Amino acid sequence: MYEYDEECLMTFIKNQAQLFDEPVAETLPEAEAFLEDCMAIVVDSLDEVKEYFEEEGLDVDGMTLDELEDASEVFSLPNGQYLIVEG
């Protein structure tokens, strides 16, 4: 099980509309439980985002790093990391 820090959880709560039509979490515990259920991960760079998508079988060959960062499943964290949530 992955541990999500408060900054990660707050970023997800604030930006969840980029992936979901309706809120899925309103509190830190709800966000943590949701991310655990989705098996969301935090990676250190956009290159790792690309590697993750490739491992999941997604065709990202023609995508630039900016396009990857703009994907609805990718949440840019204030500390420079990225949260990947598969809805």
N, C-alpha and C. Protein backbone atom coordinates (compact mmCIF):
# COMPACT_ATOMS: atom_id res chain seq x y z
N MET A 1 0.83 -1.18 0.00
CA MET A 1 0.00 0.00 0.00
C MET A 1 0.88 1.25 0.00
N TYR A 2 0.52 2.21 -0.83
CA TYR A 2 1.29 3.43 -0.97
C TYR A 2 0.80 4.47 0.03
N GLU A 3 1.71 5.23 0.58
CA GLU A 3 1.35 6.30 1.51
C GLU A 3 1.36 7.63 0.74
N TYR A 4 0.25 8.35 0.77
CA TYR A 4 0.13 9.63 0.09
C TYR A 4 0.28 10.74 1.12
N ASP A 5 1.14 11.72 0.85
CA ASP A 5 1.30 12.81 1.81
C ASP A 5 0.15 13.81 1.66
N GLU A 6 0.05 14.72 2.61
CA GLU A 6 -1.06 15.67 2.64
C GLU A 6 -1.09 16.54 1.39
N GLU A 7 0.07 16.95 0.91
CA GLU A 7 0.16 17.78 -0.29
C GLU A 7 -0.43 17.04 -1.50
N CYS A 8 -0.13 15.78 -1.61
CA CYS A 8 -0.65 14.94 -2.70
C CYS A 8 -2.17 14.83 -2.59
N LEU A 9 -2.66 14.56 -1.41
CA LEU A 9 -4.11 14.41 -1.20
C LEU A 9 -4.84 15.72 -1.48
N MET A 10 -4.30 16.83 -1.02
CA MET A 10 -4.94 18.12 -1.26
C MET A 10 -4.96 18.46 -2.75
N THR A 11 -3.89 18.15 -3.45
CA THR A 11 -3.83 18.40 -4.89
C THR A 11 -4.90 17.58 -5.60
N PHE A 12 -5.05 16.33 -5.20
CA PHE A 12 -6.07 15.49 -5.81
C PHE A 12 -7.47 16.05 -5.54
N ILE A 13 -7.76 16.40 -4.30
CA ILE A 13 -9.08 16.94 -3.95
C ILE A 13 -9.37 18.21 -4.78
N LYS A 14 -8.39 19.08 -4.86
CA LYS A 14 -8.56 20.36 -5.55
C LYS A 14 -8.76 20.17 -7.06
N ASN A 15 -8.09 19.17 -7.65
CA ASN A 15 -8.08 19.02 -9.11
C ASN A 15 -8.81 17.79 -9.64
N GLN A 16 -9.57 17.12 -8.80
CA GLN A 16 -10.21 15.87 -9.22
C GLN A 16 -11.17 16.06 -10.39
N ALA A 17 -11.68 17.26 -10.61
CA ALA A 17 -12.60 17.52 -11.72
C ALA A 17 -11.94 17.33 -13.08
N GLN A 18 -10.61 17.33 -13.13
CA GLN A 18 -9.95 17.10 -14.42
C GLN A 18 -10.14 15.66 -14.89
N LEU A 19 -10.50 14.76 -13.98
CA LEU A 19 -10.68 13.35 -14.33
C LEU A 19 -12.11 12.87 -14.11
N PHE A 20 -12.79 13.42 -13.14
CA PHE A 20 -14.13 12.95 -12.77
C PHE A 20 -15.17 14.06 -12.91
N ASP A 21 -16.36 13.69 -13.36
CA ASP A 21 -17.44 14.66 -13.54
C ASP A 21 -18.01 15.13 -12.20
N GLU A 22 -17.98 14.26 -11.20
CA GLU A 22 -18.47 14.59 -9.88
C GLU A 22 -17.37 14.31 -8.85
N PRO A 23 -17.36 15.05 -7.74
CA PRO A 23 -16.33 14.81 -6.72
C PRO A 23 -16.38 13.37 -6.19
N VAL A 24 -15.21 12.78 -6.04
CA VAL A 24 -15.11 11.43 -5.47
C VAL A 24 -14.57 11.48 -4.05
N ALA A 25 -14.04 12.63 -3.64
CA ALA A 25 -13.50 12.78 -2.29
C ALA A 25 -13.57 14.26 -1.88
N GLU A 26 -13.94 14.48 -0.62
CA GLU A 26 -14.00 15.84 -0.11
C GLU A 26 -13.07 16.06 1.07
N THR A 27 -12.64 14.99 1.71
CA THR A 27 -11.75 15.10 2.87
C THR A 27 -10.46 14.33 2.59
N LEU A 28 -9.45 14.59 3.40
CA LEU A 28 -8.18 13.87 3.23
C LEU A 28 -8.36 12.36 3.38
N PRO A 29 -9.09 11.88 4.41
CA PRO A 29 -9.27 10.42 4.53
C PRO A 29 -10.02 9.82 3.33
N GLU A 30 -11.02 10.54 2.82
CA GLU A 30 -11.74 10.05 1.64
C GLU A 30 -10.82 10.00 0.43
N ALA A 31 -10.00 11.02 0.25
CA ALA A 31 -9.06 11.04 -0.88
C ALA A 31 -8.06 9.90 -0.76
N GLU A 32 -7.54 9.69 0.43
CA GLU A 32 -6.57 8.62 0.62
C GLU A 32 -7.19 7.26 0.33
N ALA A 33 -8.40 7.03 0.83
CA ALA A 33 -9.08 5.75 0.58
C ALA A 33 -9.35 5.56 -0.90
N PHE A 34 -9.77 6.62 -1.58
CA PHE A 34 -10.05 6.52 -3.01
C PHE A 34 -8.78 6.20 -3.79
N LEU A 35 -7.70 6.91 -3.50
CA LEU A 35 -6.44 6.68 -4.23
C LEU A 35 -5.91 5.28 -3.97
N GLU A 36 -6.06 4.80 -2.74
CA GLU A 36 -5.63 3.43 -2.44
C GLU A 36 -6.46 2.42 -3.24
N ASP A 37 -7.78 2.64 -3.31
CA ASP A 37 -8.65 1.74 -4.06
C ASP A 37 -8.29 1.72 -5.55
N CYS A 38 -7.91 2.88 -6.07
CA CYS A 38 -7.53 2.99 -7.50
C CYS A 38 -6.10 2.52 -7.75
N MET A 39 -5.38 2.25 -6.68
CA MET A 39 -3.96 1.92 -6.77
C MET A 39 -3.18 3.02 -7.52
N ALA A 40 -3.52 4.27 -7.19
CA ALA A 40 -2.82 5.42 -7.76
C ALA A 40 -1.36 5.41 -7.31
N ILE A 41 -0.50 5.92 -8.17
CA ILE A 41 0.91 5.95 -7.83
C ILE A 41 1.47 7.36 -7.98
N VAL A 42 2.58 7.61 -7.31
CA VAL A 42 3.31 8.86 -7.43
C VAL A 42 4.66 8.53 -8.05
N VAL A 43 5.00 9.29 -9.10
CA VAL A 43 6.29 9.10 -9.76
C VAL A 43 7.05 10.41 -9.74
N ASP A 44 8.35 10.33 -10.01
CA ASP A 44 9.22 11.48 -9.86
C ASP A 44 9.38 12.36 -11.10
N SER A 45 8.99 11.85 -12.28
CA SER A 45 9.23 12.64 -13.50
C SER A 45 8.24 12.25 -14.59
N LEU A 46 8.19 13.09 -15.62
CA LEU A 46 7.33 12.78 -16.76
C LEU A 46 7.83 11.55 -17.51
N ASP A 47 9.14 11.31 -17.48
CA ASP A 47 9.67 10.09 -18.10
C ASP A 47 9.10 8.86 -17.39
N GLU A 48 8.94 8.94 -16.07
CA GLU A 48 8.36 7.82 -15.33
C GLU A 48 6.86 7.70 -15.60
N VAL A 49 6.19 8.83 -15.86
CA VAL A 49 4.78 8.78 -16.27
C VAL A 49 4.68 8.00 -17.58
N LYS A 50 5.56 8.34 -18.52
CA LYS A 50 5.56 7.65 -19.82
C LYS A 50 5.82 6.16 -19.65
N GLU A 51 6.81 5.81 -18.82
CA GLU A 51 7.12 4.40 -18.56
C GLU A 51 5.91 3.67 -17.97
N TYR A 52 5.22 4.32 -17.05
CA TYR A 52 4.06 3.71 -16.42
C TYR A 52 2.98 3.42 -17.46
N PHE A 53 2.68 4.42 -18.30
CA PHE A 53 1.65 4.23 -19.32
C PHE A 53 2.05 3.12 -20.29
N GLU A 54 3.32 3.07 -20.65
CA GLU A 54 3.79 2.01 -21.56
C GLU A 54 3.62 0.63 -20.91
N GLU A 55 3.96 0.53 -19.63
CA GLU A 55 3.80 -0.74 -18.91
C GLU A 55 2.34 -1.16 -18.82
N GLU A 56 1.44 -0.18 -18.79
CA GLU A 56 0.01 -0.46 -18.74
C GLU A 56 -0.58 -0.75 -20.11
N GLY A 57 0.28 -0.69 -21.14
CA GLY A 57 -0.17 -1.03 -22.49
C GLY A 57 -0.76 0.12 -23.29
N LEU A 58 -0.58 1.34 -22.83
CA LEU A 58 -1.09 2.49 -23.56
C LEU A 58 -0.08 2.93 -24.61
N ASP A 59 -0.55 3.32 -25.77
CA ASP A 59 0.31 3.77 -26.85
C ASP A 59 0.63 5.25 -26.64
N VAL A 60 1.82 5.54 -26.17
CA VAL A 60 2.22 6.92 -25.90
C VAL A 60 3.41 7.33 -26.77
N ASP A 61 3.70 6.54 -27.80
CA ASP A 61 4.87 6.81 -28.64
C ASP A 61 4.87 8.21 -29.25
N GLY A 62 3.74 8.67 -29.73
CA GLY A 62 3.70 9.97 -30.38
C GLY A 62 3.45 11.13 -29.45
N MET A 63 3.32 10.86 -28.16
CA MET A 63 3.00 11.93 -27.21
C MET A 63 4.26 12.63 -26.70
N THR A 64 4.17 13.95 -26.63
CA THR A 64 5.27 14.72 -26.04
C THR A 64 5.13 14.67 -24.52
N LEU A 65 6.15 15.09 -23.82
CA LEU A 65 6.07 15.13 -22.36
C LEU A 65 5.00 16.12 -21.90
N ASP A 66 4.84 17.23 -22.64
CA ASP A 66 3.78 18.19 -22.30
C ASP A 66 2.40 17.57 -22.45
N GLU A 67 2.21 16.76 -23.49
CA GLU A 67 0.93 16.09 -23.68
C GLU A 67 0.67 15.07 -22.57
N LEU A 68 1.73 14.38 -22.14
CA LEU A 68 1.58 13.45 -21.03
C LEU A 68 1.19 14.19 -19.76
N GLU A 69 1.80 15.33 -19.53
CA GLU A 69 1.51 16.11 -18.33
C GLU A 69 0.06 16.61 -18.34
N ASP A 70 -0.48 16.84 -19.54
CA ASP A 70 -1.85 17.33 -19.68
C ASP A 70 -2.90 16.22 -19.66
N ALA A 71 -2.47 14.95 -19.62
CA ALA A 71 -3.42 13.84 -19.58
C ALA A 71 -4.28 13.95 -18.33
N SER A 72 -5.56 13.63 -18.45
CA SER A 72 -6.49 13.80 -17.33
C SER A 72 -6.12 12.93 -16.14
N GLU A 73 -5.41 11.82 -16.37
CA GLU A 73 -5.03 10.93 -15.28
C GLU A 73 -3.79 11.40 -14.51
N VAL A 74 -3.12 12.42 -15.02
CA VAL A 74 -1.85 12.88 -14.45
C VAL A 74 -2.08 14.18 -13.69
N PHE A 75 -1.74 14.15 -12.41
CA PHE A 75 -1.86 15.33 -11.55
C PHE A 75 -0.46 15.80 -11.18
N SER A 76 -0.14 17.02 -11.56
CA SER A 76 1.16 17.60 -11.25
C SER A 76 1.16 18.05 -9.80
N LEU A 77 2.11 17.56 -9.02
CA LEU A 77 2.19 17.90 -7.60
C LEU A 77 3.14 19.08 -7.39
N PRO A 78 2.89 19.89 -6.38
CA PRO A 78 3.73 21.07 -6.13
C PRO A 78 5.22 20.75 -5.93
N ASN A 79 5.54 19.53 -5.47
CA ASN A 79 6.93 19.20 -5.22
C ASN A 79 7.66 18.69 -6.46
N GLY A 80 6.99 18.72 -7.62
CA GLY A 80 7.62 18.30 -8.87
C GLY A 80 7.33 16.86 -9.26
N GLN A 81 6.67 16.12 -8.38
CA GLN A 81 6.29 14.75 -8.70
C GLN A 81 4.94 14.75 -9.42
N TYR A 82 4.52 13.54 -9.81
CA TYR A 82 3.26 13.38 -10.52
C TYR A 82 2.46 12.24 -9.91
N LEU A 83 1.17 12.50 -9.70
CA LEU A 83 0.23 11.50 -9.23
C LEU A 83 -0.51 10.96 -10.44
N ILE A 84 -0.53 9.63 -10.60
CA ILE A 84 -1.26 9.01 -11.71
C ILE A 84 -2.44 8.26 -11.13
N VAL A 85 -3.64 8.65 -11.58
CA VAL A 85 -4.88 8.06 -11.09
C VAL A 85 -5.64 7.50 -12.28
N GLU A 86 -5.87 6.21 -12.28
CA GLU A 86 -6.67 5.63 -13.35
C GLU A 86 -8.11 5.55 -12.89
N GLY A 87 -8.97 6.36 -13.51
CA GLY A 87 -10.36 6.44 -13.13
C GLY A 87 -11.11 5.33 -13.67
